Amino acid sequence: MTTGPNRILDEFAKLMTDAAGAAQGVRKEMETAFNAQAERWLNSMDVVKREEFEAVREMAIKARDENEALAARIAELEAKLAAKS
């Protein structure tokens, strides 16, 4: 059995280890609560998620490209029709 300053230092080291573990647990709990609150806040603002934004962006780019191709085709057909007249 240890006595004197060694026992006190051992108890103090154990107390500090326990306190560090508790602080880490509190930090994780706070982080989880903050993330949940931030998600609720963003959902209430109808903010679009990045994945959804990227999907719609790709659809818009594809639609624009198709519109440009169709406009070029229409211009070509109109030119052919005007040449026949």
PDB file of N, CA and C in Angstrom:
ATOM      1  N   MET A   1       0.843  -1.180   0.000  1.00  0.00           N
ATOM      2  CA  MET A   1       0.000   0.000   0.000  1.00  0.00           C
ATOM      3  C   MET A   1       0.884   1.238   0.000  1.00  0.00           C
ATOM      4  N   THR A   2       0.571   2.150  -0.932  1.00  0.00           N
ATOM      5  CA  THR A   2       1.374   3.367  -1.005  1.00  0.00           C
ATOM      6  C   THR A   2       0.834   4.388  -0.029  1.00  0.00           C
ATOM      7  N   THR A   3       1.732   5.156   0.484  1.00  0.00           N
ATOM      8  CA  THR A   3       1.316   6.199   1.429  1.00  0.00           C
ATOM      9  C   THR A   3       2.014   7.496   1.089  1.00  0.00           C
ATOM     10  N   GLY A   4       1.562   8.540   1.674  1.00  0.00           N
ATOM     11  CA  GLY A   4       2.219   9.820   1.530  1.00  0.00           C
ATOM     12  C   GLY A   4       1.998  10.467   0.180  1.00  0.00           C
ATOM     13  N   PRO A   5       3.034  11.188  -0.310  1.00  0.00           N
ATOM     14  CA  PRO A   5       2.909  11.959  -1.549  1.00  0.00           C
ATOM     15  C   PRO A   5       2.611  11.093  -2.769  1.00  0.00           C
ATOM     16  N   ASN A   6       3.142   9.859  -2.823  1.00  0.00           N
ATOM     17  CA  ASN A   6       2.882   8.994  -3.974  1.00  0.00           C
ATOM     18  C   ASN A   6       1.405   8.670  -4.103  1.00  0.00           C
ATOM     19  N   ARG A   7       0.762   8.362  -2.986  1.00  0.00           N
ATOM     20  CA  ARG A   7      -0.668   8.040  -3.014  1.00  0.00           C
ATOM     21  C   ARG A   7      -1.478   9.258  -3.444  1.00  0.00           C
ATOM     22  N   ILE A   8      -1.098  10.399  -2.952  1.00  0.00           N
ATOM     23  CA  ILE A   8      -1.801  11.645  -3.307  1.00  0.00           C
ATOM     24  C   ILE A   8      -1.634  11.921  -4.802  1.00  0.00           C
ATOM     25  N   LEU A   9      -0.422  11.753  -5.320  1.00  0.00           N
ATOM     26  CA  LEU A   9      -0.192  11.977  -6.746  1.00  0.00           C
ATOM     27  C   LEU A   9      -0.940  10.956  -7.593  1.00  0.00           C
ATOM     28  N   ASP A  10      -0.997   9.704  -7.143  1.00  0.00           N
ATOM     29  CA  ASP A  10      -1.745   8.677  -7.876  1.00  0.00           C
ATOM     30  C   ASP A  10      -3.231   9.025  -7.927  1.00  0.00           C
ATOM     31  N   GLU A  11      -3.772   9.453  -6.798  1.00  0.00           N
ATOM     32  CA  GLU A  11      -5.187   9.833  -6.742  1.00  0.00           C
ATOM     33  C   GLU A  11      -5.451  11.065  -7.617  1.00  0.00           C
ATOM     34  N   PHE A  12      -4.521  12.007  -7.591  1.00  0.00           N
ATOM     35  CA  PHE A  12      -4.661  13.209  -8.405  1.00  0.00           C
ATOM     36  C   PHE A  12      -4.609  12.854  -9.896  1.00  0.00           C
ATOM     37  N   ALA A  13      -3.702  11.968 -10.288  1.00  0.00           N
ATOM     38  CA  ALA A  13      -3.598  11.536 -11.685  1.00  0.00           C
ATOM     39  C   ALA A  13      -4.874  10.827 -12.115  1.00  0.00           C
ATOM     40  N   LYS A  14      -5.422   9.991 -11.233  1.00  0.00           N
ATOM     41  CA  LYS A  14      -6.681   9.294 -11.547  1.00  0.00           C
ATOM     42  C   LYS A  14      -7.815  10.306 -11.712  1.00  0.00           C
ATOM     43  N   LEU A  15      -7.855  11.284 -10.834  1.00  0.00           N
ATOM     44  CA  LEU A  15      -8.889  12.323 -10.901  1.00  0.00           C
ATOM     45  C   LEU A  15      -8.787  13.107 -12.206  1.00  0.00           C
ATOM     46  N   MET A  16      -7.573  13.456 -12.617  1.00  0.00           N
ATOM     47  CA  MET A  16      -7.371  14.199 -13.865  1.00  0.00           C
ATOM     48  C   MET A  16      -7.759  13.357 -15.068  1.00  0.00           C
ATOM     49  N   THR A  17      -7.444  12.074 -15.039  1.00  0.00           N
ATOM     50  CA  THR A  17      -7.824  11.182 -16.139  1.00  0.00           C
ATOM     51  C   THR A  17      -9.341  11.087 -16.253  1.00  0.00           C
ATOM     52  N   ASP A  18      -9.996  10.931 -15.118  1.00  0.00           N
ATOM     53  CA  ASP A  18     -11.463  10.879 -15.113  1.00  0.00           C
ATOM     54  C   ASP A  18     -12.068  12.196 -15.598  1.00  0.00           C
ATOM     55  N   ALA A  19     -11.478  13.315 -15.171  1.00  0.00           N
ATOM     56  CA  ALA A  19     -11.984  14.629 -15.587  1.00  0.00           C
ATOM     57  C   ALA A  19     -11.809  14.817 -17.092  1.00  0.00           C
ATOM     58  N   ALA A  20     -10.679  14.353 -17.644  1.00  0.00           N
ATOM     59  CA  ALA A  20     -10.454  14.481 -19.084  1.00  0.00           C
ATOM     60  C   ALA A  20     -11.470  13.647 -19.860  1.00  0.00           C
ATOM     61  N   GLY A  21     -11.752  12.447 -19.371  1.00  0.00           N
ATOM     62  CA  GLY A  21     -12.756  11.601 -20.021  1.00  0.00           C
ATOM     63  C   GLY A  21     -14.133  12.232 -19.968  1.00  0.00           C
ATOM     64  N   ALA A  22     -14.475  12.805 -18.825  1.00  0.00           N
ATOM     65  CA  ALA A  22     -15.777  13.462 -18.687  1.00  0.00           C
ATOM     66  C   ALA A  22     -15.866  14.672 -19.603  1.00  0.00           C
ATOM     67  N   ALA A  23     -14.781  15.440 -19.689  1.00  0.00           N
ATOM     68  CA  ALA A  23     -14.781  16.620 -20.558  1.00  0.00           C
ATOM     69  C   ALA A  23     -14.940  16.204 -22.018  1.00  0.00           C
ATOM     70  N   GLN A  24     -14.309  15.112 -22.404  1.00  0.00           N
ATOM     71  CA  GLN A  24     -14.437  14.641 -23.784  1.00  0.00           C
ATOM     72  C   GLN A  24     -15.868  14.193 -24.063  1.00  0.00           C
ATOM     73  N   GLY A  25     -16.492  13.530 -23.084  1.00  0.00           N
ATOM     74  CA  GLY A  25     -17.886  13.123 -23.235  1.00  0.00           C
ATOM     75  C   GLY A  25     -18.807  14.321 -23.382  1.00  0.00           C
ATOM     76  N   VAL A  26     -18.575  15.347 -22.588  1.00  0.00           N
ATOM     77  CA  VAL A  26     -19.386  16.568 -22.660  1.00  0.00           C
ATOM     78  C   VAL A  26     -19.190  17.239 -24.013  1.00  0.00           C
ATOM     79  N   ARG A  27     -17.943  17.246 -24.492  1.00  0.00           N
ATOM     80  CA  ARG A  27     -17.665  17.862 -25.794  1.00  0.00           C
ATOM     81  C   ARG A  27     -18.425  17.138 -26.905  1.00  0.00           C
ATOM     82  N   LYS A  28     -18.417  15.819 -26.877  1.00  0.00           N
ATOM     83  CA  LYS A  28     -19.142  15.052 -27.903  1.00  0.00           C
ATOM     84  C   LYS A  28     -20.640  15.307 -27.816  1.00  0.00           C
ATOM     85  N   GLU A  29     -21.156  15.385 -26.590  1.00  0.00           N
ATOM     86  CA  GLU A  29     -22.583  15.663 -26.410  1.00  0.00           C
ATOM     87  C   GLU A  29     -22.948  17.039 -26.941  1.00  0.00           C
ATOM     88  N   MET A  30     -22.129  18.030 -26.638  1.00  0.00           N
ATOM     89  CA  MET A  30     -22.376  19.388 -27.115  1.00  0.00           C
ATOM     90  C   MET A  30     -22.298  19.449 -28.640  1.00  0.00           C
ATOM     91  N   GLU A  31     -21.332  18.760 -29.208  1.00  0.00           N
ATOM     92  CA  GLU A  31     -21.177  18.738 -30.666  1.00  0.00           C
ATOM     93  C   GLU A  31     -22.400  18.113 -31.326  1.00  0.00           C
ATOM     94  N   THR A  32     -22.898  17.026 -30.767  1.00  0.00           N
ATOM     95  CA  THR A  32     -24.088  16.370 -31.299  1.00  0.00           C
ATOM     96  C   THR A  32     -25.303  17.288 -31.204  1.00  0.00           C
ATOM     97  N   ALA A  33     -25.456  17.935 -30.057  1.00  0.00           N
ATOM     98  CA  ALA A  33     -26.588  18.853 -29.872  1.00  0.00           C
ATOM     99  C   ALA A  33     -26.492  20.033 -30.823  1.00  0.00           C
ATOM    100  N   PHE A  34     -25.290  20.577 -31.003  1.00  0.00           N
ATOM    101  CA  PHE A  34     -25.103  21.701 -31.917  1.00  0.00           C
ATOM    102  C   PHE A  34     -25.430  21.297 -33.349  1.00  0.00           C
ATOM    103  N   ASN A  35     -24.940  20.130 -33.775  1.00  0.00           N
ATOM    104  CA  ASN A  35     -25.215  19.665 -35.136  1.00  0.00           C
ATOM    105  C   ASN A  35     -26.702  19.452 -35.362  1.00  0.00           C
ATOM    106  N   ALA A  36     -27.381  18.877 -34.381  1.00  0.00           N
ATOM    107  CA  ALA A  36     -28.824  18.667 -34.509  1.00  0.00           C
ATOM    108  C   ALA A  36     -29.554  20.000 -34.610  1.00  0.00           C
ATOM    109  N   GLN A  37     -29.177  20.964 -33.780  1.00  0.00           N
ATOM    110  CA  GLN A  37     -29.823  22.283 -33.813  1.00  0.00           C
ATOM    111  C   GLN A  37     -29.544  22.989 -35.136  1.00  0.00           C
ATOM    112  N   ALA A  38     -28.306  22.901 -35.621  1.00  0.00           N
ATOM    113  CA  ALA A  38     -27.960  23.537 -36.895  1.00  0.00           C
ATOM    114  C   ALA A  38     -28.750  22.909 -38.035  1.00  0.00           C
ATOM    115  N   GLU A  39     -28.912  21.598 -38.011  1.00  0.00           N
ATOM    116  CA  GLU A  39     -29.683  20.934 -39.069  1.00  0.00           C
ATOM    117  C   GLU A  39     -31.151  21.356 -39.020  1.00  0.00           C
ATOM    118  N   ARG A  40     -31.716  21.445 -37.811  1.00  0.00           N
ATOM    119  CA  ARG A  40     -33.108  21.909 -37.692  1.00  0.00           C
ATOM    120  C   ARG A  40     -33.246  23.340 -38.206  1.00  0.00           C
ATOM    121  N   TRP A  41     -32.286  24.174 -37.882  1.00  0.00           N
ATOM    122  CA  TRP A  41     -32.320  25.576 -38.317  1.00  0.00           C
ATOM    123  C   TRP A  41     -32.231  25.664 -39.832  1.00  0.00           C
ATOM    124  N   LEU A  42     -31.327  24.908 -40.439  1.00  0.00           N
ATOM    125  CA  LEU A  42     -31.187  24.937 -41.898  1.00  0.00           C
ATOM    126  C   LEU A  42     -32.438  24.370 -42.576  1.00  0.00           C
ATOM    127  N   ASN A  43     -33.022  23.317 -42.006  1.00  0.00           N
ATOM    128  CA  ASN A  43     -34.243  22.749 -42.576  1.00  0.00           C
ATOM    129  C   ASN A  43     -35.398  23.740 -42.509  1.00  0.00           C
ATOM    130  N   SER A  44     -35.451  24.532 -41.442  1.00  0.00           N
ATOM    131  CA  SER A  44     -36.538  25.511 -41.325  1.00  0.00           C
ATOM    132  C   SER A  44     -36.384  26.632 -42.347  1.00  0.00           C
ATOM    133  N   MET A  45     -35.164  26.837 -42.839  1.00  0.00           N
ATOM    134  CA  MET A  45     -34.912  27.885 -43.823  1.00  0.00           C
ATOM    135  C   MET A  45     -35.055  27.369 -45.258  1.00  0.00           C
ATOM    136  N   ASP A  46     -35.373  26.105 -45.429  1.00  0.00           N
ATOM    137  CA  ASP A  46     -35.493  25.483 -46.745  1.00  0.00           C
ATOM    138  C   ASP A  46     -34.207  25.636 -47.556  1.00  0.00           C
ATOM    139  N   VAL A  47     -33.082  25.438 -46.919  1.00  0.00           N
ATOM    140  CA  VAL A  47     -31.792  25.495 -47.590  1.00  0.00           C
ATOM    141  C   VAL A  47     -31.586  24.189 -48.346  1.00  0.00           C
ATOM    142  N   VAL A  48     -31.142  24.286 -49.575  1.00  0.00           N
ATOM    143  CA  VAL A  48     -30.941  23.108 -50.410  1.00  0.00           C
ATOM    144  C   VAL A  48     -29.610  22.455 -50.045  1.00  0.00           C
ATOM    145  N   LYS A  49     -29.619  21.124 -49.977  1.00  0.00           N
ATOM    146  CA  LYS A  49     -28.382  20.403 -49.706  1.00  0.00           C
ATOM    147  C   LYS A  49     -27.499  20.422 -50.940  1.00  0.00           C
ATOM    148  N   ARG A  50     -26.218  20.301 -50.726  1.00  0.00           N
ATOM    149  CA  ARG A  50     -25.232  20.382 -51.809  1.00  0.00           C
ATOM    150  C   ARG A  50     -25.484  19.330 -52.889  1.00  0.00           C
ATOM    151  N   GLU A  51     -25.820  18.113 -52.478  1.00  0.00           N
ATOM    152  CA  GLU A  51     -26.062  17.036 -53.447  1.00  0.00           C
ATOM    153  C   GLU A  51     -27.246  17.364 -54.347  1.00  0.00           C
ATOM    154  N   GLU A  52     -28.314  17.895 -53.745  1.00  0.00           N
ATOM    155  CA  GLU A  52     -29.496  18.263 -54.528  1.00  0.00           C
ATOM    156  C   GLU A  52     -29.164  19.391 -55.499  1.00  0.00           C
ATOM    157  N   PHE A  53     -28.400  20.371 -55.027  1.00  0.00           N
ATOM    158  CA  PHE A  53     -28.008  21.491 -55.866  1.00  0.00           C
ATOM    159  C   PHE A  53     -27.205  21.003 -57.067  1.00  0.00           C
ATOM    160  N   GLU A  54     -26.231  20.123 -56.816  1.00  0.00           N
ATOM    161  CA  GLU A  54     -25.390  19.608 -57.897  1.00  0.00           C
ATOM    162  C   GLU A  54     -26.217  18.819 -58.916  1.00  0.00           C
ATOM    163  N   ALA A  55     -27.194  18.034 -58.439  1.00  0.00           N
ATOM    164  CA  ALA A  55     -28.038  17.255 -59.348  1.00  0.00           C
ATOM    165  C   ALA A  55     -28.850  18.182 -60.260  1.00  0.00           C
ATOM    166  N   VAL A  56     -29.447  19.208 -59.681  1.00  0.00           N
ATOM    167  CA  VAL A  56     -30.243  20.151 -60.474  1.00  0.00           C
ATOM    168  C   VAL A  56     -29.340  20.943 -61.423  1.00  0.00           C
ATOM    169  N   ARG A  57     -28.156  21.271 -60.963  1.00  0.00           N
ATOM    170  CA  ARG A  57     -27.198  21.995 -61.812  1.00  0.00           C
ATOM    171  C   ARG A  57     -26.836  21.169 -63.050  1.00  0.00           C
ATOM    172  N   GLU A  58     -26.570  19.889 -62.842  1.00  0.00           N
ATOM    173  CA  GLU A  58     -26.247  19.008 -63.974  1.00  0.00           C
ATOM    174  C   GLU A  58     -27.431  18.898 -64.939  1.00  0.00           C
ATOM    175  N   MET A  59     -28.648  18.831 -64.400  1.00  0.00           N
ATOM    176  CA  MET A  59     -29.835  18.769 -65.254  1.00  0.00           C
ATOM    177  C   MET A  59     -29.961  20.053 -66.068  1.00  0.00           C
ATOM    178  N   ALA A  60     -29.699  21.202 -65.455  1.00  0.00           N
ATOM    179  CA  ALA A  60     -29.798  22.484 -66.155  1.00  0.00           C
ATOM    180  C   ALA A  60     -28.749  22.581 -67.263  1.00  0.00           C
ATOM    181  N   ILE A  61     -27.535  22.121 -66.987  1.00  0.00           N
ATOM    182  CA  ILE A  61     -26.485  22.149 -68.012  1.00  0.00           C
ATOM    183  C   ILE A  61     -26.878  21.272 -69.198  1.00  0.00           C
ATOM    184  N   LYS A  62     -27.405  20.083 -68.902  1.00  0.00           N
ATOM    185  CA  LYS A  62     -27.831  19.172 -69.973  1.00  0.00           C
ATOM    186  C   LYS A  62     -28.964  19.792 -70.793  1.00  0.00           C
ATOM    187  N   ALA A  63     -29.937  20.405 -70.115  1.00  0.00           N
ATOM    188  CA  ALA A  63     -31.064  21.026 -70.807  1.00  0.00           C
ATOM    189  C   ALA A  63     -30.583  22.189 -71.682  1.00  0.00           C
ATOM    190  N   ARG A  64     -29.652  22.991 -71.172  1.00  0.00           N
ATOM    191  CA  ARG A  64     -29.112  24.104 -71.958  1.00  0.00           C
ATOM    192  C   ARG A  64     -28.391  23.595 -73.202  1.00  0.00           C
ATOM    193  N   ASP A  65     -27.602  22.553 -73.044  1.00  0.00           N
ATOM    194  CA  ASP A  65     -26.895  21.977 -74.189  1.00  0.00           C
ATOM    195  C   ASP A  65     -27.873  21.446 -75.236  1.00  0.00           C
ATOM    196  N   GLU A  66     -28.929  20.778 -74.766  1.00  0.00           N
ATOM    197  CA  GLU A  66     -29.944  20.266 -75.690  1.00  0.00           C
ATOM    198  C   GLU A  66     -30.664  21.404 -76.400  1.00  0.00           C
ATOM    199  N   ASN A  67     -30.965  22.483 -75.679  1.00  0.00           N
ATOM    200  CA  ASN A  67     -31.628  23.643 -76.290  1.00  0.00           C
ATOM    201  C   ASN A  67     -30.747  24.282 -77.359  1.00  0.00           C
ATOM    202  N   GLU A  68     -29.450  24.390 -77.084  1.00  0.00           N
ATOM    203  CA  GLU A  68     -28.538  24.961 -78.067  1.00  0.00           C
ATOM    204  C   GLU A  68     -28.461  24.087 -79.317  1.00  0.00           C
ATOM    205  N   ALA A  69     -28.440  22.761 -79.111  1.00  0.00           N
ATOM    206  CA  ALA A  69     -28.397  21.841 -80.260  1.00  0.00           C
ATOM    207  C   ALA A  69     -29.680  21.949 -81.073  1.00  0.00           C
ATOM    208  N   LEU A  70     -30.815  22.029 -80.401  1.00  0.00           N
ATOM    209  CA  LEU A  70     -32.095  22.150 -81.111  1.00  0.00           C
ATOM    210  C   LEU A  70     -32.195  23.490 -81.841  1.00  0.00           C
ATOM    211  N   ALA A  71     -31.706  24.563 -81.219  1.00  0.00           N
ATOM    212  CA  ALA A  71     -31.743  25.869 -81.873  1.00  0.00           C
ATOM    213  C   ALA A  71     -30.882  25.848 -83.136  1.00  0.00           C
ATOM    214  N   ALA A  72     -29.736  25.201 -83.073  1.00  0.00           N
ATOM    215  CA  ALA A  72     -28.874  25.098 -84.257  1.00  0.00           C
ATOM    216  C   ALA A  72     -29.561  24.267 -85.342  1.00  0.00           C
ATOM    217  N   ARG A  73     -30.215  23.206 -84.941  1.00  0.00           N
ATOM    218  CA  ARG A  73     -30.924  22.352 -85.920  1.00  0.00           C
ATOM    219  C   ARG A  73     -32.075  23.114 -86.576  1.00  0.00           C
ATOM    220  N   ILE A  74     -32.814  23.886 -85.777  1.00  0.00           N
ATOM    221  CA  ILE A  74     -33.928  24.671 -86.326  1.00  0.00           C
ATOM    222  C   ILE A  74     -33.395  25.714 -87.308  1.00  0.00           C
ATOM    223  N   ALA A  75     -32.307  26.375 -86.951  1.00  0.00           N
ATOM    224  CA  ALA A  75     -31.719  27.374 -87.839  1.00  0.00           C
ATOM    225  C   ALA A  75     -31.281  26.732 -89.145  1.00  0.00           C
ATOM    226  N   GLU A  76     -30.711  25.535 -89.054  1.00  0.00           N
ATOM    227  CA  GLU A  76     -30.285  24.823 -90.265  1.00  0.00           C
ATOM    228  C   GLU A  76     -31.483  24.448 -91.127  1.00  0.00           C
ATOM    229  N   LEU A  77     -32.540  23.958 -90.507  1.00  0.00           N
ATOM    230  CA  LEU A  77     -33.739  23.590 -91.267  1.00  0.00           C
ATOM    231  C   LEU A  77     -34.408  24.812 -91.894  1.00  0.00           C
ATOM    232  N   GLU A  78     -34.438  25.924 -91.152  1.00  0.00           N
ATOM    233  CA  GLU A  78     -35.019  27.159 -91.701  1.00  0.00           C
ATOM    234  C   GLU A  78     -34.199  27.665 -92.880  1.00  0.00           C
ATOM    235  N   ALA A  79     -32.879  27.531 -92.788  1.00  0.00           N
ATOM    236  CA  ALA A  79     -32.021  27.960 -93.894  1.00  0.00           C
ATOM    237  C   ALA A  79     -32.281  27.096 -95.126  1.00  0.00           C
ATOM    238  N   LYS A  80     -32.438  25.797 -94.943  1.00  0.00           N
ATOM    239  CA  LYS A  80     -32.731  24.895 -96.059  1.00  0.00           C
ATOM    240  C   LYS A  80     -34.082  25.220 -96.673  1.00  0.00           C
ATOM    241  N   LEU A  81     -35.055  25.521 -95.834  1.00  0.00           N
ATOM    242  CA  LEU A  81     -36.396  25.848 -96.307  1.00  0.00           C
ATOM    243  C   LEU A  81     -36.372  27.161 -97.076  1.00  0.00           C
ATOM    244  N   ALA A  82     -35.614  28.148 -96.596  1.00  0.00           N
ATOM    245  CA  ALA A  82     -35.521  29.433 -97.277  1.00  0.00           C
ATOM    246  C   ALA A  82     -34.796  29.265 -98.619  1.00  0.00           C
ATOM    247  N   ALA A  83     -33.843  28.361 -98.690  1.00  0.00           N
ATOM    248  CA  ALA A  83     -33.118  28.143 -99.940  1.00  0.00           C
ATOM    249  C   ALA A  83     -34.012  27.502-100.997  1.00  0.00           C
ATOM    250  N   LYS A  84     -34.952  26.687-100.575  1.00  0.00           N
ATOM    251  CA  LYS A  84     -35.880  26.020-101.514  1.00  0.00           C
ATOM    252  C   LYS A  84     -36.920  27.006-102.061  1.00  0.00           C
ATOM    253  N   SER A  85     -37.200  28.039-101.284  1.00  0.00           N
ATOM    254  CA  SER A  85     -38.263  28.953-101.705  1.00  0.00           C
ATOM    255  C   SER A  85     -37.822  29.940-102.738  1.00  0.00           C
TER     256      SER A  85
END
